[in-house]
Protein backbone atom coordinates (compact mmCIF):
# COMPACT_ATOMS: atom_id res chain seq x y z
CA UNK A 1 0.49 -0.32 0.17
CA UNK A 2 1.62 3.15 -1.23
CA UNK A 3 1.44 6.31 1.79
CA UNK A 4 1.79 9.55 0.40
CA UNK A 5 1.35 11.18 4.21
CA UNK A 6 3.05 10.87 6.71
CA UNK A 7 -0.27 11.36 8.66
CA UNK A 8 -2.18 9.09 6.84
CA UNK A 9 0.88 6.52 7.36
CA UNK A 10 -0.61 5.16 11.23
CA UNK A 11 -4.22 4.64 9.18
CA UNK A 12 -2.63 1.82 7.34
CA UNK A 13 -3.01 -1.26 9.57
CA UNK A 14 -6.24 0.53 10.94
CA UNK A 15 -7.01 -0.02 6.81
CA UNK A 16 -5.04 -3.92 6.75
CA UNK A 17 -7.26 -5.07 10.03
CA UNK A 18 -10.43 -3.63 8.76
CA UNK A 19 -10.29 -5.08 5.33
CA UNK A 20 -9.26 -8.66 7.04
CA UNK A 21 -12.32 -9.00 9.08
CA UNK A 22 -14.85 -6.99 6.61
CA UNK A 23 -17.38 -10.05 4.95
CA UNK A 24 -17.06 -10.62 1.30
CA UNK A 25 -19.45 -9.45 -0.98
CA UNK A 26 -23.04 -10.88 -1.84
CA UNK A 27 -23.08 -12.61 -5.54
CA UNK A 28 -25.78 -10.47 -7.09
CA UNK A 29 -28.37 -12.40 -9.06
CA UNK A 30 -28.79 -12.47 -13.03
CA UNK A 31 -31.93 -9.38 -14.09
CA UNK A 32 -35.24 -11.06 -14.93
CA UNK A 33 -35.31 -11.77 -18.30
CA UNK A 34 -38.46 -9.53 -20.25
CA UNK A 35 -39.70 -12.43 -22.65
CA UNK A 36 -40.20 -15.23 -19.94
CA UNK A 37 -43.25 -15.55 -18.74
CA UNK A 38 -43.27 -14.96 -14.64
CA UNK A 39 -45.63 -14.57 -12.00
CA UNK A 40 -47.66 -11.44 -12.43
CA UNK A 41 -48.18 -12.90 -16.02
CA UNK A 42 -52.29 -13.66 -16.74
CA UNK A 43 -52.92 -16.59 -18.68
CA UNK A 44 -53.44 -15.46 -22.63
CA UNK A 45 -57.10 -17.24 -23.57
CA UNK A 46 -58.43 -15.88 -20.93
CA UNK A 47 -61.66 -13.47 -20.73
CA UNK A 48 -61.06 -10.56 -18.61
CA UNK A 49 -64.06 -8.51 -17.45
CA UNK A 50 -65.13 -4.47 -16.96
CA UNK A 51 -67.67 -3.56 -14.05
CA UNK A 52 -69.15 -1.60 -17.08
CA UNK A 53 -69.21 -5.43 -18.94
CA UNK A 54 -67.29 -4.74 -21.58
CA UNK A 55 -64.73 -8.40 -21.74
CA UNK A 56 -61.47 -8.82 -23.38
CA UNK A 57 -60.34 -12.04 -24.43
CA UNK A 58 -55.99 -12.13 -24.54
CA UNK A 59 -54.32 -12.87 -27.69
CA UNK A 60 -51.11 -12.66 -26.51
CA UNK A 61 -47.98 -11.19 -24.20
CA UNK A 62 -46.28 -8.01 -26.29
CA UNK A 63 -43.72 -7.17 -23.16
CA UNK A 64 -42.92 -6.31 -19.75
CA UNK A 65 -41.72 -3.31 -18.54
CA UNK A 66 -40.54 -2.92 -14.34
CA UNK A 67 -43.99 -2.83 -13.22
CA UNK A 68 -47.06 -3.81 -16.00
CA UNK A 69 -47.38 -6.73 -18.52
CA UNK A 70 -49.32 -6.14 -22.18
CA UNK A 71 -51.21 -8.39 -24.26
CA UNK A 72 -53.16 -7.96 -27.56
CA UNK A 73 -56.68 -8.72 -26.61
CA UNK A 74 -59.76 -8.37 -28.34
CA UNK A 75 -62.72 -6.72 -27.41
CA UNK A 76 -65.61 -8.68 -27.72
CA UNK A 77 -68.37 -6.55 -27.98
CA UNK A 78 -67.07 -5.01 -31.10
CA UNK A 79 -64.26 -7.34 -32.69
CA UNK A 80 -61.46 -4.15 -32.16
CA UNK A 81 -58.27 -5.18 -31.28
CA UNK A 82 -56.46 -3.78 -27.95
CA UNK A 83 -53.79 -3.53 -25.98
CA UNK A 84 -53.71 -4.26 -22.82
CA UNK A 85 -51.70 -3.24 -19.74
CA UNK A 86 -52.02 -5.20 -16.38
CA UNK A 87 -49.88 -4.31 -12.65
CA UNK A 88 -50.26 -6.56 -9.70
CA UNK A 89 -48.55 -5.46 -6.87
CA UNK A 90 -48.51 -9.00 -5.72
CA UNK A 91 -44.63 -10.08 -5.91
CA UNK A 92 -43.66 -6.46 -5.77
CA UNK A 93 -41.11 -8.18 -2.08
CA UNK A 94 -41.34 -7.43 1.12
CA UNK A 95 -41.62 -3.42 1.02
CA UNK A 96 -44.96 -2.27 -0.49
CA UNK A 97 -43.51 1.06 -0.76
CA UNK A 98 -42.38 0.32 -4.22
CA UNK A 99 -46.05 -1.09 -5.09
CA UNK A 100 -48.32 1.76 -4.10
CA UNK A 101 -46.17 3.92 -6.42
CA UNK A 102 -46.25 1.91 -9.44
CA UNK A 103 -50.08 2.75 -8.41
CA UNK A 104 -50.60 5.84 -8.05
CA UNK A 105 -47.91 6.07 -11.25
CA UNK A 106 -50.24 4.16 -13.39
CA UNK A 107 -53.49 5.71 -11.99
CA UNK A 108 -51.68 8.59 -13.34
CA UNK A 109 -51.27 7.42 -17.16
CA UNK A 110 -54.50 6.71 -16.85
CA UNK A 111 -55.76 10.24 -16.06
CA UNK A 112 -53.72 11.61 -18.47
CA UNK A 113 -54.45 9.09 -21.91
CA UNK A 114 -58.05 9.90 -20.73
CA UNK A 115 -57.49 12.92 -20.60
CA UNK A 116 -55.45 13.27 -23.79
CA UNK A 117 -56.77 13.12 -28.04
CA UNK A 118 -53.57 13.30 -30.53
CA UNK A 119 -53.32 11.33 -33.17
CA UNK A 120 -50.21 9.78 -32.46
CA UNK A 121 -51.16 8.47 -29.40
CA UNK A 122 -53.87 5.30 -29.57
CA UNK A 123 -57.12 6.24 -28.44
CA UNK A 124 -57.29 5.74 -24.63
CA UNK A 125 -60.40 2.47 -24.00
CA UNK A 126 -61.38 2.02 -20.23
CA UNK A 127 -59.32 1.41 -17.01
CA UNK A 128 -60.50 -1.08 -13.82
CA UNK A 129 -59.49 -2.84 -11.06
CA UNK A 130 -60.12 -6.37 -10.80
CA UNK A 131 -60.15 -8.07 -7.27
CA UNK A 132 -59.42 -11.38 -6.54
CA UNK A 133 -58.68 -13.83 -3.69
CA UNK A 134 -55.26 -12.14 -2.92
CA UNK A 135 -54.83 -10.16 -5.17
CA UNK A 136 -55.77 -6.61 -7.05
CA UNK A 137 -55.17 -6.91 -10.39
CA UNK A 138 -54.64 -3.17 -12.61
CA UNK A 139 -55.70 -2.57 -15.77
CA UNK A 140 -55.51 -0.60 -18.52
CA UNK A 141 -57.11 -0.79 -22.05
CA UNK A 142 -55.90 0.85 -24.94
CA UNK A 143 -56.42 0.71 -28.53
CA UNK A 144 -53.41 -1.76 -30.43
CA UNK A 145 -51.16 0.72 -31.87
CA UNK A 146 -50.10 -1.65 -34.96
CA UNK A 147 -46.23 -1.51 -36.19
CA UNK A 148 -43.22 -4.32 -35.61
CA UNK A 149 -41.09 -5.21 -32.30
CA UNK A 150 -38.24 -2.99 -31.46
CA UNK A 151 -36.39 -5.29 -30.53
CA UNK A 152 -36.08 -8.22 -33.50
């Protein structure tokens, strides 16, 4: 160890003993892949019903982000393809604070899209929550923007 100052040289033995006692760092886990189905996924071919009675049949999983999973679905009343984004608090770890922040951001996104009327932003269709025995799922429905996958 190189010490440039005589004042700092007296701390060298203390630093060496501290480094020897320090526990080894924990190995890092590899990040989860977004293409792989996770615990937050809903089975494809499931039909979700909004409180207003509108039914959406899930056709395929389009992708996932840090907090939500997006599906291509078909609206059963008019046959239109829609993008259905779902958010769940299940599997958010021990701290629910991050989950509540995700819900707050999700609700803000729904409110913004509801108020927006712009030709290049997919049209807002509906947003609702689905409650089950162990989970609450937040759902945002928009018209599907047809295009190619940028990952390919």
